[in-house]
Amino acid sequence: MKVLSALISSLTLLSLNFVSLSQAQAQTQGFQFESVPVTVFGNGCPSGNAQISLVGNTLSVTFPRFQATALSPKVVSQSCNLRIGLNVPKGYKVQPINLRYSGSTNVPQGGSAALRVRPVFQGKVIPSRNDLNANFPSGSSGGWVKDVAITGDTIDACANPVNSVFGINTTLIARATNVAVGQRTQIGFNGIYRIRFTFTRC
């Protein structure tokens, strides 16, 4: 009898967990921003349009790659900024919680490079738990990845649809002030931002 009771309890718990998981998946898969227009601008932005995709709870923004290249003994700064229009349908609360992006560097001896990322949501700079920026010292070479938790404000569209803007300002700085003649410092951005959200039904 005890074995039977334990089995029934286990099956009930498994069923409840399955229902909860199914509801969470349905909630995420069923959500769609009504439209996500994107504006790209800055002295480092190559020509080309940005592309948007929403898979699960992750919004991917793909735009042309860009880089900063400095020949000895120069310093070069290149920026590319995004403005993403988020039209949230009625009945949801939406909050950005994570930002992922990547690129590469090639810094010779005597040089350095820097990445500066500044996300803005609903007119406010978004705080992060870890540093969104990165500094690359002399001799750095290869790829880099940033995967950072952020704490943006929540869009409350429970009563009415809400139109908002998510912005990301990206600056790449290449310094070649002390590198050998003829060498160059390079830092590149892969051109993909992945923004993870929470979508909660009201």
N, C-alpha and C. Protein backbone atom coordinates (compact mmCIF):
# COMPACT_ATOMS: atom_id res chain seq x y z
N MET A 1 0.84 -1.20 0.00
CA MET A 1 0.00 0.00 0.00
C MET A 1 0.88 1.25 0.00
N LYS A 2 1.98 1.20 0.83
CA LYS A 2 2.88 2.34 0.88
C LYS A 2 3.55 2.56 -0.46
N VAL A 3 3.92 1.45 -1.12
CA VAL A 3 4.56 1.54 -2.42
C VAL A 3 3.61 2.17 -3.43
N LEU A 4 2.33 1.74 -3.40
CA LEU A 4 1.32 2.27 -4.31
C LEU A 4 1.11 3.77 -4.08
N SER A 5 1.03 4.17 -2.80
CA SER A 5 0.83 5.59 -2.47
C SER A 5 2.01 6.42 -2.96
N ALA A 6 3.23 5.90 -2.75
CA ALA A 6 4.43 6.62 -3.19
C ALA A 6 4.45 6.77 -4.70
N LEU A 7 4.01 5.70 -5.41
CA LEU A 7 3.97 5.74 -6.86
C LEU A 7 2.97 6.77 -7.36
N ILE A 8 1.79 6.80 -6.72
CA ILE A 8 0.76 7.78 -7.10
C ILE A 8 1.26 9.20 -6.86
N SER A 9 1.93 9.43 -5.72
CA SER A 9 2.45 10.76 -5.41
C SER A 9 3.50 11.19 -6.42
N SER A 10 4.36 10.25 -6.81
CA SER A 10 5.41 10.55 -7.77
C SER A 10 4.82 10.91 -9.13
N LEU A 11 3.80 10.12 -9.54
CA LEU A 11 3.15 10.40 -10.82
C LEU A 11 2.43 11.73 -10.81
N THR A 12 1.79 12.07 -9.67
CA THR A 12 1.10 13.36 -9.55
C THR A 12 2.08 14.51 -9.65
N LEU A 13 3.22 14.39 -8.95
CA LEU A 13 4.23 15.44 -8.97
C LEU A 13 4.81 15.58 -10.37
N LEU A 14 5.07 14.45 -11.03
CA LEU A 14 5.59 14.49 -12.39
C LEU A 14 4.61 15.17 -13.34
N SER A 15 3.31 14.87 -13.15
CA SER A 15 2.27 15.46 -13.99
C SER A 15 2.21 16.97 -13.79
N LEU A 16 2.29 17.41 -12.52
CA LEU A 16 2.23 18.85 -12.23
C LEU A 16 3.44 19.57 -12.82
N ASN A 17 4.62 18.94 -12.71
CA ASN A 17 5.83 19.56 -13.27
C ASN A 17 5.73 19.65 -14.78
N PHE A 18 5.16 18.61 -15.40
CA PHE A 18 5.01 18.61 -16.85
C PHE A 18 4.05 19.71 -17.30
N VAL A 19 2.95 19.87 -16.57
CA VAL A 19 1.97 20.92 -16.89
C VAL A 19 2.61 22.29 -16.75
N SER A 20 3.37 22.51 -15.66
CA SER A 20 4.01 23.81 -15.44
C SER A 20 5.01 24.10 -16.56
N LEU A 21 5.81 23.08 -16.94
CA LEU A 21 6.78 23.27 -18.01
C LEU A 21 6.09 23.56 -19.33
N SER A 22 5.00 22.84 -19.61
CA SER A 22 4.27 23.05 -20.86
C SER A 22 3.69 24.46 -20.92
N GLN A 23 3.15 24.94 -19.79
CA GLN A 23 2.59 26.29 -19.75
C GLN A 23 3.67 27.33 -19.98
N ALA A 24 4.85 27.14 -19.37
CA ALA A 24 5.96 28.08 -19.54
C ALA A 24 6.42 28.11 -20.98
N GLN A 25 6.54 26.90 -21.61
CA GLN A 25 6.97 26.83 -23.00
C GLN A 25 5.94 27.47 -23.92
N ALA A 26 4.67 27.21 -23.66
CA ALA A 26 3.61 27.78 -24.49
C ALA A 26 3.61 29.29 -24.38
N GLN A 27 3.84 29.79 -23.16
CA GLN A 27 3.85 31.23 -22.95
C GLN A 27 4.97 31.88 -23.74
N THR A 28 6.18 31.27 -23.70
CA THR A 28 7.32 31.82 -24.42
C THR A 28 7.14 31.70 -25.92
N GLN A 29 6.73 30.50 -26.38
CA GLN A 29 6.61 30.27 -27.81
C GLN A 29 5.47 31.08 -28.41
N GLY A 30 4.43 31.35 -27.64
CA GLY A 30 3.28 32.07 -28.16
C GLY A 30 3.46 33.57 -28.24
N PHE A 31 4.49 34.09 -27.58
CA PHE A 31 4.68 35.54 -27.56
C PHE A 31 5.36 36.02 -28.84
N GLN A 32 4.89 37.14 -29.37
CA GLN A 32 5.54 37.81 -30.49
C GLN A 32 5.42 39.31 -30.30
N PHE A 33 6.54 40.03 -30.46
CA PHE A 33 6.43 41.49 -30.56
C PHE A 33 5.65 41.80 -31.82
N GLU A 34 4.77 42.80 -31.74
CA GLU A 34 3.93 43.10 -32.91
C GLU A 34 4.77 43.61 -34.08
N SER A 35 5.82 44.37 -33.79
CA SER A 35 6.79 44.77 -34.82
C SER A 35 8.07 45.17 -34.13
N VAL A 36 9.19 44.95 -34.81
CA VAL A 36 10.49 45.26 -34.23
C VAL A 36 11.32 46.03 -35.27
N PRO A 37 11.01 47.31 -35.49
CA PRO A 37 11.83 48.10 -36.42
C PRO A 37 13.18 48.42 -35.81
N VAL A 38 14.22 48.46 -36.63
CA VAL A 38 15.57 48.71 -36.15
C VAL A 38 16.22 49.84 -36.95
N THR A 39 16.85 50.76 -36.24
CA THR A 39 17.63 51.82 -36.86
C THR A 39 19.09 51.61 -36.50
N VAL A 40 19.97 51.72 -37.50
CA VAL A 40 21.41 51.55 -37.30
C VAL A 40 22.10 52.84 -37.72
N PHE A 41 22.97 53.38 -36.85
CA PHE A 41 23.68 54.62 -37.20
C PHE A 41 25.01 54.69 -36.46
N GLY A 42 25.94 55.46 -37.00
CA GLY A 42 27.24 55.63 -36.38
C GLY A 42 28.34 55.68 -37.42
N ASN A 43 29.51 56.22 -37.05
CA ASN A 43 30.60 56.37 -38.02
C ASN A 43 31.24 55.04 -38.41
N GLY A 44 30.96 53.98 -37.65
CA GLY A 44 31.56 52.68 -37.96
C GLY A 44 30.61 51.71 -38.62
N CYS A 45 29.34 52.09 -38.78
CA CYS A 45 28.35 51.15 -39.33
C CYS A 45 28.52 51.00 -40.84
N PRO A 46 28.76 49.78 -41.31
CA PRO A 46 28.78 49.56 -42.76
C PRO A 46 27.36 49.65 -43.30
N SER A 47 27.25 49.80 -44.61
CA SER A 47 25.93 49.82 -45.21
C SER A 47 25.31 48.43 -45.12
N GLY A 48 24.00 48.38 -45.02
CA GLY A 48 23.30 47.10 -44.90
C GLY A 48 22.21 47.18 -43.86
N ASN A 49 21.22 46.35 -44.01
CA ASN A 49 20.07 46.38 -43.10
C ASN A 49 20.25 45.38 -41.96
N ALA A 50 19.64 45.72 -40.83
CA ALA A 50 19.64 44.80 -39.69
C ALA A 50 18.51 43.79 -39.86
N GLN A 51 18.72 42.58 -39.37
CA GLN A 51 17.71 41.53 -39.41
C GLN A 51 17.36 41.12 -37.99
N ILE A 52 16.08 40.78 -37.79
CA ILE A 52 15.56 40.47 -36.46
C ILE A 52 14.96 39.07 -36.46
N SER A 53 15.19 38.33 -35.38
CA SER A 53 14.47 37.06 -35.19
C SER A 53 14.21 36.87 -33.71
N LEU A 54 13.03 36.36 -33.38
CA LEU A 54 12.65 36.06 -32.01
C LEU A 54 12.42 34.56 -31.91
N VAL A 55 13.30 33.88 -31.18
CA VAL A 55 13.21 32.44 -30.98
C VAL A 55 13.12 32.19 -29.48
N GLY A 56 11.99 31.63 -29.04
CA GLY A 56 11.79 31.46 -27.60
C GLY A 56 11.75 32.81 -26.93
N ASN A 57 12.65 33.02 -25.98
CA ASN A 57 12.68 34.30 -25.27
C ASN A 57 13.89 35.14 -25.65
N THR A 58 14.52 34.81 -26.80
CA THR A 58 15.73 35.52 -27.22
C THR A 58 15.51 36.26 -28.54
N LEU A 59 15.74 37.56 -28.50
CA LEU A 59 15.64 38.40 -29.69
C LEU A 59 17.05 38.59 -30.25
N SER A 60 17.28 38.14 -31.48
CA SER A 60 18.59 38.28 -32.12
C SER A 60 18.54 39.42 -33.14
N VAL A 61 19.50 40.32 -33.03
CA VAL A 61 19.61 41.44 -33.95
C VAL A 61 20.93 41.27 -34.70
N THR A 62 20.86 41.06 -36.01
CA THR A 62 22.05 40.85 -36.82
C THR A 62 22.22 42.04 -37.76
N PHE A 63 23.40 42.64 -37.73
CA PHE A 63 23.70 43.77 -38.60
C PHE A 63 25.13 43.59 -39.12
N PRO A 64 25.56 44.35 -40.13
CA PRO A 64 26.89 44.13 -40.70
C PRO A 64 28.00 44.24 -39.65
N ARG A 65 28.99 43.37 -39.76
CA ARG A 65 30.14 43.43 -38.87
C ARG A 65 30.87 44.76 -39.05
N PHE A 66 31.53 45.21 -37.98
CA PHE A 66 32.35 46.41 -38.13
C PHE A 66 33.58 46.27 -37.25
N GLN A 67 34.59 47.10 -37.53
CA GLN A 67 35.83 47.01 -36.78
C GLN A 67 36.53 48.36 -36.73
N ALA A 68 37.48 48.47 -35.82
CA ALA A 68 38.37 49.62 -35.73
C ALA A 68 39.78 49.13 -36.00
N THR A 69 40.47 49.78 -36.92
CA THR A 69 41.85 49.42 -37.27
C THR A 69 42.72 50.66 -37.19
N ALA A 70 43.81 50.56 -36.42
CA ALA A 70 44.72 51.69 -36.26
C ALA A 70 46.12 51.29 -36.70
N LEU A 71 46.68 52.04 -37.66
CA LEU A 71 48.07 51.85 -38.07
C LEU A 71 48.96 52.70 -37.16
N SER A 72 50.15 52.20 -36.88
CA SER A 72 51.10 52.93 -36.06
C SER A 72 51.31 54.33 -36.63
N PRO A 73 51.25 55.39 -35.82
CA PRO A 73 51.05 55.44 -34.36
C PRO A 73 49.67 56.00 -33.99
N LYS A 74 48.62 55.62 -34.72
CA LYS A 74 47.32 56.26 -34.56
C LYS A 74 46.43 55.58 -33.52
N VAL A 75 45.35 56.30 -33.15
CA VAL A 75 44.25 55.77 -32.34
C VAL A 75 42.98 55.97 -33.14
N VAL A 76 42.20 54.90 -33.33
CA VAL A 76 40.97 54.96 -34.14
C VAL A 76 39.80 54.47 -33.31
N SER A 77 38.70 55.22 -33.36
CA SER A 77 37.46 54.85 -32.67
C SER A 77 36.33 54.74 -33.68
N GLN A 78 35.59 53.63 -33.62
CA GLN A 78 34.46 53.41 -34.50
C GLN A 78 33.25 53.03 -33.67
N SER A 79 32.10 53.61 -34.01
CA SER A 79 30.87 53.35 -33.26
C SER A 79 29.76 52.89 -34.18
N CYS A 80 28.91 52.02 -33.65
CA CYS A 80 27.71 51.59 -34.36
C CYS A 80 26.60 51.42 -33.33
N ASN A 81 25.51 52.15 -33.51
CA ASN A 81 24.44 52.19 -32.53
C ASN A 81 23.15 51.63 -33.10
N LEU A 82 22.41 50.91 -32.26
CA LEU A 82 21.12 50.33 -32.65
C LEU A 82 20.00 50.95 -31.84
N ARG A 83 18.86 51.13 -32.49
CA ARG A 83 17.62 51.50 -31.80
C ARG A 83 16.56 50.51 -32.26
N ILE A 84 16.04 49.73 -31.31
CA ILE A 84 15.13 48.63 -31.61
C ILE A 84 13.75 48.96 -31.05
N GLY A 85 12.76 49.06 -31.91
CA GLY A 85 11.41 49.37 -31.46
C GLY A 85 10.67 48.12 -31.01
N LEU A 86 10.30 48.09 -29.74
CA LEU A 86 9.59 46.94 -29.18
C LEU A 86 8.13 47.31 -28.95
N ASN A 87 7.24 46.74 -29.73
CA ASN A 87 5.81 46.98 -29.57
C ASN A 87 5.21 45.78 -28.84
N VAL A 88 4.95 45.97 -27.56
CA VAL A 88 4.51 44.86 -26.70
C VAL A 88 2.99 44.76 -26.72
N PRO A 89 2.43 43.61 -27.07
CA PRO A 89 0.98 43.46 -27.11
C PRO A 89 0.37 43.48 -25.71
N LYS A 90 -0.89 43.82 -25.67
CA LYS A 90 -1.63 43.87 -24.40
C LYS A 90 -1.63 42.50 -23.72
N GLY A 91 -1.47 42.53 -22.39
CA GLY A 91 -1.58 41.30 -21.63
C GLY A 91 -0.25 40.70 -21.18
N TYR A 92 0.85 41.46 -21.36
CA TYR A 92 2.16 40.94 -21.00
C TYR A 92 2.97 41.95 -20.19
N LYS A 93 3.90 41.41 -19.42
CA LYS A 93 4.98 42.19 -18.84
C LYS A 93 6.27 41.66 -19.44
N VAL A 94 7.14 42.57 -19.87
CA VAL A 94 8.35 42.18 -20.58
C VAL A 94 9.56 42.87 -19.95
N GLN A 95 10.63 42.09 -19.73
CA GLN A 95 11.84 42.65 -19.14
C GLN A 95 13.08 42.04 -19.79
N PRO A 96 14.05 42.87 -20.23
CA PRO A 96 15.33 42.33 -20.72
C PRO A 96 16.20 41.88 -19.56
N ILE A 97 16.81 40.68 -19.69
CA ILE A 97 17.57 40.13 -18.56
C ILE A 97 18.99 39.69 -18.93
N ASN A 98 19.31 39.66 -20.23
CA ASN A 98 20.64 39.18 -20.59
C ASN A 98 21.04 39.72 -21.96
N LEU A 99 22.33 39.96 -22.12
CA LEU A 99 22.86 40.49 -23.38
C LEU A 99 24.11 39.68 -23.74
N ARG A 100 24.16 39.17 -24.98
CA ARG A 100 25.30 38.37 -25.44
C ARG A 100 25.81 38.93 -26.76
N TYR A 101 27.16 39.03 -26.90
CA TYR A 101 27.76 39.55 -28.11
C TYR A 101 29.21 39.08 -28.17
N SER A 102 29.84 39.17 -29.34
CA SER A 102 31.18 38.62 -29.50
C SER A 102 31.94 39.36 -30.59
N GLY A 103 33.24 39.07 -30.66
CA GLY A 103 34.09 39.68 -31.67
C GLY A 103 35.47 39.11 -31.61
N SER A 104 36.46 39.86 -32.11
CA SER A 104 37.84 39.38 -32.14
C SER A 104 38.80 40.55 -32.05
N THR A 105 40.05 40.26 -31.67
CA THR A 105 41.08 41.29 -31.59
C THR A 105 42.39 40.76 -32.15
N ASN A 106 43.21 41.69 -32.58
CA ASN A 106 44.60 41.40 -32.95
C ASN A 106 45.41 42.62 -32.53
N VAL A 107 46.05 42.49 -31.36
CA VAL A 107 46.76 43.63 -30.76
C VAL A 107 48.25 43.29 -30.68
N PRO A 108 49.07 43.99 -31.46
CA PRO A 108 50.51 43.72 -31.41
C PRO A 108 51.15 44.31 -30.15
N GLN A 109 52.42 43.98 -29.93
CA GLN A 109 53.13 44.52 -28.78
C GLN A 109 53.15 46.05 -28.85
N GLY A 110 52.81 46.67 -27.72
CA GLY A 110 52.78 48.12 -27.65
C GLY A 110 51.42 48.73 -27.94
N GLY A 111 50.47 47.90 -28.37
CA GLY A 111 49.13 48.41 -28.66
C GLY A 111 48.12 48.02 -27.60
N SER A 112 46.89 48.44 -27.77
CA SER A 112 45.78 48.04 -26.91
C SER A 112 44.48 48.30 -27.65
N ALA A 113 43.42 47.69 -27.14
CA ALA A 113 42.10 47.88 -27.76
C ALA A 113 41.05 47.88 -26.66
N ALA A 114 39.88 48.43 -26.97
CA ALA A 114 38.81 48.52 -25.98
C ALA A 114 37.45 48.37 -26.63
N LEU A 115 36.53 47.79 -25.88
CA LEU A 115 35.13 47.63 -26.27
C LEU A 115 34.28 48.40 -25.27
N ARG A 116 33.37 49.21 -25.76
CA ARG A 116 32.46 49.96 -24.90
C ARG A 116 31.03 49.70 -25.36
N VAL A 117 30.21 49.16 -24.46
CA VAL A 117 28.82 48.83 -24.77
C VAL A 117 27.91 49.52 -23.76
N ARG A 118 26.89 50.21 -24.27
CA ARG A 118 25.98 50.97 -23.39
C ARG A 118 24.53 50.70 -23.82
N PRO A 119 23.85 49.76 -23.14
CA PRO A 119 22.44 49.51 -23.46
C PRO A 119 21.52 50.52 -22.77
N VAL A 120 20.48 50.91 -23.50
CA VAL A 120 19.51 51.89 -22.97
C VAL A 120 18.12 51.33 -23.20
N PHE A 121 17.27 51.41 -22.18
CA PHE A 121 15.92 50.88 -22.29
C PHE A 121 14.94 51.87 -21.66
N GLN A 122 13.93 52.26 -22.43
CA GLN A 122 12.92 53.21 -21.97
C GLN A 122 13.56 54.50 -21.45
N GLY A 123 14.60 54.94 -22.16
CA GLY A 123 15.24 56.20 -21.81
C GLY A 123 16.25 56.14 -20.68
N LYS A 124 16.55 54.95 -20.16
CA LYS A 124 17.49 54.81 -19.04
C LYS A 124 18.61 53.85 -19.41
N VAL A 125 19.82 54.17 -18.91
CA VAL A 125 20.93 53.24 -19.08
C VAL A 125 20.66 52.00 -18.23
N ILE A 126 20.83 50.82 -18.81
CA ILE A 126 20.52 49.57 -18.12
C ILE A 126 21.71 49.15 -17.25
N PRO A 127 21.47 48.93 -15.95
CA PRO A 127 22.55 48.41 -15.11
C PRO A 127 22.83 46.95 -15.42
N SER A 128 24.06 46.51 -15.12
CA SER A 128 24.43 45.11 -15.34
C SER A 128 25.15 44.57 -14.12
N ARG A 129 25.08 43.26 -13.95
CA ARG A 129 25.75 42.62 -12.82
C ARG A 129 27.24 42.45 -13.07
N ASN A 130 27.63 42.38 -14.33
CA ASN A 130 29.04 42.27 -14.71
C ASN A 130 29.37 43.38 -15.70
N ASP A 131 30.66 43.57 -15.95
CA ASP A 131 31.09 44.64 -16.83
C ASP A 131 30.71 44.33 -18.28
N LEU A 132 29.99 45.25 -18.91
CA LEU A 132 29.62 45.10 -20.31
C LEU A 132 30.80 45.41 -21.24
N ASN A 133 31.78 46.12 -20.72
CA ASN A 133 32.92 46.57 -21.52
C ASN A 133 34.08 45.59 -21.40
N ALA A 134 35.11 45.81 -22.20
CA ALA A 134 36.30 44.96 -22.14
C ALA A 134 37.50 45.76 -22.62
N ASN A 135 38.66 45.49 -22.01
CA ASN A 135 39.93 46.08 -22.42
C ASN A 135 40.87 44.95 -22.84
N PHE A 136 41.57 45.15 -23.94
CA PHE A 136 42.45 44.12 -24.49
C PHE A 136 43.88 44.67 -24.51
N PRO A 137 44.75 44.10 -23.69
CA PRO A 137 46.11 44.63 -23.58
C PRO A 137 47.01 44.22 -24.74
N SER A 138 48.22 44.72 -24.70
CA SER A 138 49.24 44.38 -25.69
C SER A 138 49.40 42.86 -25.81
N GLY A 139 49.41 42.37 -27.04
CA GLY A 139 49.59 40.94 -27.27
C GLY A 139 48.30 40.14 -27.34
N SER A 140 47.13 40.76 -27.12
CA SER A 140 45.85 40.05 -27.19
C SER A 140 45.55 39.65 -28.63
N SER A 141 45.06 38.43 -28.80
CA SER A 141 44.72 37.97 -30.13
C SER A 141 43.67 36.87 -30.04
N GLY A 142 42.70 36.89 -30.96
CA GLY A 142 41.69 35.83 -30.99
C GLY A 142 40.30 36.37 -30.70
N GLY A 143 39.37 35.42 -30.51
CA GLY A 143 37.98 35.79 -30.30
C GLY A 143 37.67 36.08 -28.84
N TRP A 144 36.59 36.84 -28.64
CA TRP A 144 36.08 37.13 -27.30
C TRP A 144 34.56 37.05 -27.31
N VAL A 145 33.98 36.73 -26.15
CA VAL A 145 32.53 36.63 -26.00
C VAL A 145 32.14 37.30 -24.68
N LYS A 146 31.08 38.09 -24.72
CA LYS A 146 30.51 38.67 -23.51
C LYS A 146 29.09 38.15 -23.36
N ASP A 147 28.76 37.63 -22.18
CA ASP A 147 27.43 37.10 -21.87
C ASP A 147 27.07 37.66 -20.50
N VAL A 148 26.27 38.74 -20.48
CA VAL A 148 26.13 39.56 -19.28
C VAL A 148 24.67 39.65 -18.84
N ALA A 149 24.42 39.42 -17.56
CA ALA A 149 23.08 39.63 -17.00
C ALA A 149 22.83 41.12 -16.84
N ILE A 150 21.65 41.57 -17.28
CA ILE A 150 21.26 42.97 -17.15
C ILE A 150 19.94 43.06 -16.40
N THR A 151 19.65 44.25 -15.89
CA THR A 151 18.42 44.43 -15.10
C THR A 151 17.65 45.63 -15.62
N GLY A 152 17.08 45.48 -16.80
CA GLY A 152 16.27 46.54 -17.37
C GLY A 152 14.92 46.65 -16.70
N ASP A 153 14.30 47.83 -16.80
CA ASP A 153 12.96 48.03 -16.26
C ASP A 153 11.96 47.12 -16.97
N THR A 154 10.87 46.84 -16.31
CA THR A 154 9.82 45.99 -16.88
C THR A 154 8.80 46.83 -17.63
N ILE A 155 8.48 46.42 -18.86
CA ILE A 155 7.38 47.04 -19.60
C ILE A 155 6.08 46.41 -19.13
N ASP A 156 5.17 47.24 -18.63
CA ASP A 156 3.88 46.75 -18.14
C ASP A 156 2.81 47.06 -19.19
N ALA A 157 2.47 46.02 -19.97
CA ALA A 157 1.42 46.17 -20.99
C ALA A 157 0.18 45.39 -20.60
N CYS A 158 -0.06 45.27 -19.30
CA CYS A 158 -1.22 44.50 -18.83
C CYS A 158 -2.53 45.10 -19.32
N ALA A 159 -2.66 46.41 -19.24
CA ALA A 159 -3.92 47.06 -19.59
C ALA A 159 -3.96 47.50 -21.05
N ASN A 160 -2.81 47.94 -21.59
CA ASN A 160 -2.77 48.46 -22.95
C ASN A 160 -1.44 48.09 -23.60
N PRO A 161 -1.42 48.01 -24.94
CA PRO A 161 -0.14 47.78 -25.62
C PRO A 161 0.84 48.91 -25.30
N VAL A 162 2.12 48.59 -25.31
CA VAL A 162 3.14 49.59 -25.02
C VAL A 162 4.21 49.56 -26.11
N ASN A 163 4.53 50.75 -26.62
CA ASN A 163 5.63 50.88 -27.58
C ASN A 163 6.84 51.45 -26.86
N SER A 164 7.97 50.76 -26.98
CA SER A 164 9.17 51.20 -26.30
C SER A 164 10.37 51.03 -27.22
N VAL A 165 11.54 51.50 -26.76
CA VAL A 165 12.76 51.42 -27.56
C VAL A 165 13.88 50.83 -26.71
N PHE A 166 14.55 49.83 -27.28
CA PHE A 166 15.75 49.25 -26.67
C PHE A 166 16.93 49.71 -27.51
N GLY A 167 17.89 50.38 -26.90
CA GLY A 167 19.04 50.89 -27.63
C GLY A 167 20.33 50.27 -27.15
N ILE A 168 21.28 50.09 -28.07
CA ILE A 168 22.62 49.61 -27.72
C ILE A 168 23.64 50.45 -28.48
N ASN A 169 24.51 51.13 -27.74
CA ASN A 169 25.59 51.90 -28.34
C ASN A 169 26.89 51.10 -28.20
N THR A 170 27.55 50.85 -29.31
CA THR A 170 28.77 50.05 -29.30
C THR A 170 29.92 50.86 -29.89
N THR A 171 31.03 50.93 -29.15
CA THR A 171 32.22 51.64 -29.61
C THR A 171 33.44 50.73 -29.53
N LEU A 172 34.20 50.70 -30.60
CA LEU A 172 35.46 49.95 -30.65
C LEU A 172 36.61 50.94 -30.75
N ILE A 173 37.64 50.74 -29.94
CA ILE A 173 38.80 51.64 -29.92
C ILE A 173 40.06 50.83 -30.16
N ALA A 174 40.82 51.19 -31.18
CA ALA A 174 42.09 50.55 -31.49
C ALA A 174 43.21 51.56 -31.28
N ARG A 175 44.21 51.17 -30.48
CA ARG A 175 45.33 52.07 -30.18
C ARG A 175 46.63 51.45 -30.70
N ALA A 176 47.35 52.23 -31.51
CA ALA A 176 48.62 51.76 -32.06
C ALA A 176 49.73 52.78 -31.82
N THR A 177 49.62 53.52 -30.74
CA THR A 177 50.56 54.62 -30.49
C THR A 177 51.99 54.15 -30.28
N ASN A 178 52.17 52.94 -29.71
CA ASN A 178 53.52 52.47 -29.40
C ASN A 178 53.89 51.18 -30.13
N VAL A 179 53.18 50.83 -31.18
CA VAL A 179 53.51 49.61 -31.91
C VAL A 179 54.57 49.90 -32.97
N ALA A 180 55.20 48.85 -33.46
CA ALA A 180 56.25 49.01 -34.47
C ALA A 180 55.68 49.60 -35.75
N VAL A 181 56.51 50.32 -36.46
CA VAL A 181 56.10 50.93 -37.73
C VAL A 181 55.62 49.85 -38.69
N GLY A 182 54.48 50.10 -39.32
CA GLY A 182 53.91 49.16 -40.28
C GLY A 182 52.95 48.16 -39.67
N GLN A 183 52.90 48.06 -38.34
CA GLN A 183 51.96 47.15 -37.69
C GLN A 183 50.65 47.88 -37.39
N ARG A 184 49.63 47.09 -37.09
CA ARG A 184 48.30 47.67 -36.84
C ARG A 184 47.61 46.95 -35.70
N THR A 185 46.74 47.69 -35.03
CA THR A 185 45.88 47.14 -33.98
C THR A 185 44.47 47.04 -34.53
N GLN A 186 43.82 45.88 -34.33
CA GLN A 186 42.46 45.67 -34.83
C GLN A 186 41.57 45.12 -33.73
N ILE A 187 40.34 45.61 -33.69
CA ILE A 187 39.29 45.02 -32.86
C ILE A 187 38.02 44.98 -33.70
N GLY A 188 37.36 43.84 -33.73
CA GLY A 188 36.17 43.67 -34.55
C GLY A 188 34.97 43.21 -33.74
N PHE A 189 33.80 43.57 -34.23
CA PHE A 189 32.53 43.15 -33.62
C PHE A 189 31.80 42.27 -34.62
N ASN A 190 31.27 41.13 -34.16
CA ASN A 190 30.67 40.16 -35.08
C ASN A 190 29.31 40.57 -35.65
N GLY A 191 28.72 41.62 -35.11
CA GLY A 191 27.48 42.13 -35.69
C GLY A 191 26.22 41.40 -35.24
N ILE A 192 26.27 40.71 -34.10
CA ILE A 192 25.07 40.03 -33.58
C ILE A 192 24.90 40.35 -32.10
N TYR A 193 23.74 40.87 -31.76
CA TYR A 193 23.35 41.02 -30.35
C TYR A 193 22.22 40.05 -30.08
N ARG A 194 22.34 39.29 -28.98
CA ARG A 194 21.25 38.42 -28.55
C ARG A 194 20.75 38.95 -27.21
N ILE A 195 19.49 39.36 -27.21
CA ILE A 195 18.87 39.96 -26.02
C ILE A 195 17.84 38.99 -25.48
N ARG A 196 18.03 38.54 -24.26
CA ARG A 196 17.09 37.59 -23.65
C ARG A 196 16.10 38.36 -22.78
N PHE A 197 14.82 37.99 -22.88
CA PHE A 197 13.74 38.64 -22.14
C PHE A 197 13.00 37.63 -21.27
N THR A 198 12.28 38.15 -20.31
CA THR A 198 11.22 37.37 -19.65
C THR A 198 9.89 37.91 -20.16
N PHE A 199 8.99 37.01 -20.51
CA PHE A 199 7.64 37.38 -20.96
C PHE A 199 6.65 36.78 -19.95
N THR A 200 5.93 37.61 -19.26
CA THR A 200 4.99 37.15 -18.23
C THR A 200 3.58 37.59 -18.57
N ARG A 201 2.67 36.64 -18.62
CA ARG A 201 1.26 37.00 -18.83
C ARG A 201 0.70 37.67 -17.57
N CYS A 202 -0.10 38.69 -17.78
CA CYS A 202 -0.69 39.42 -16.65
C CYS A 202 -1.85 38.63 -16.06
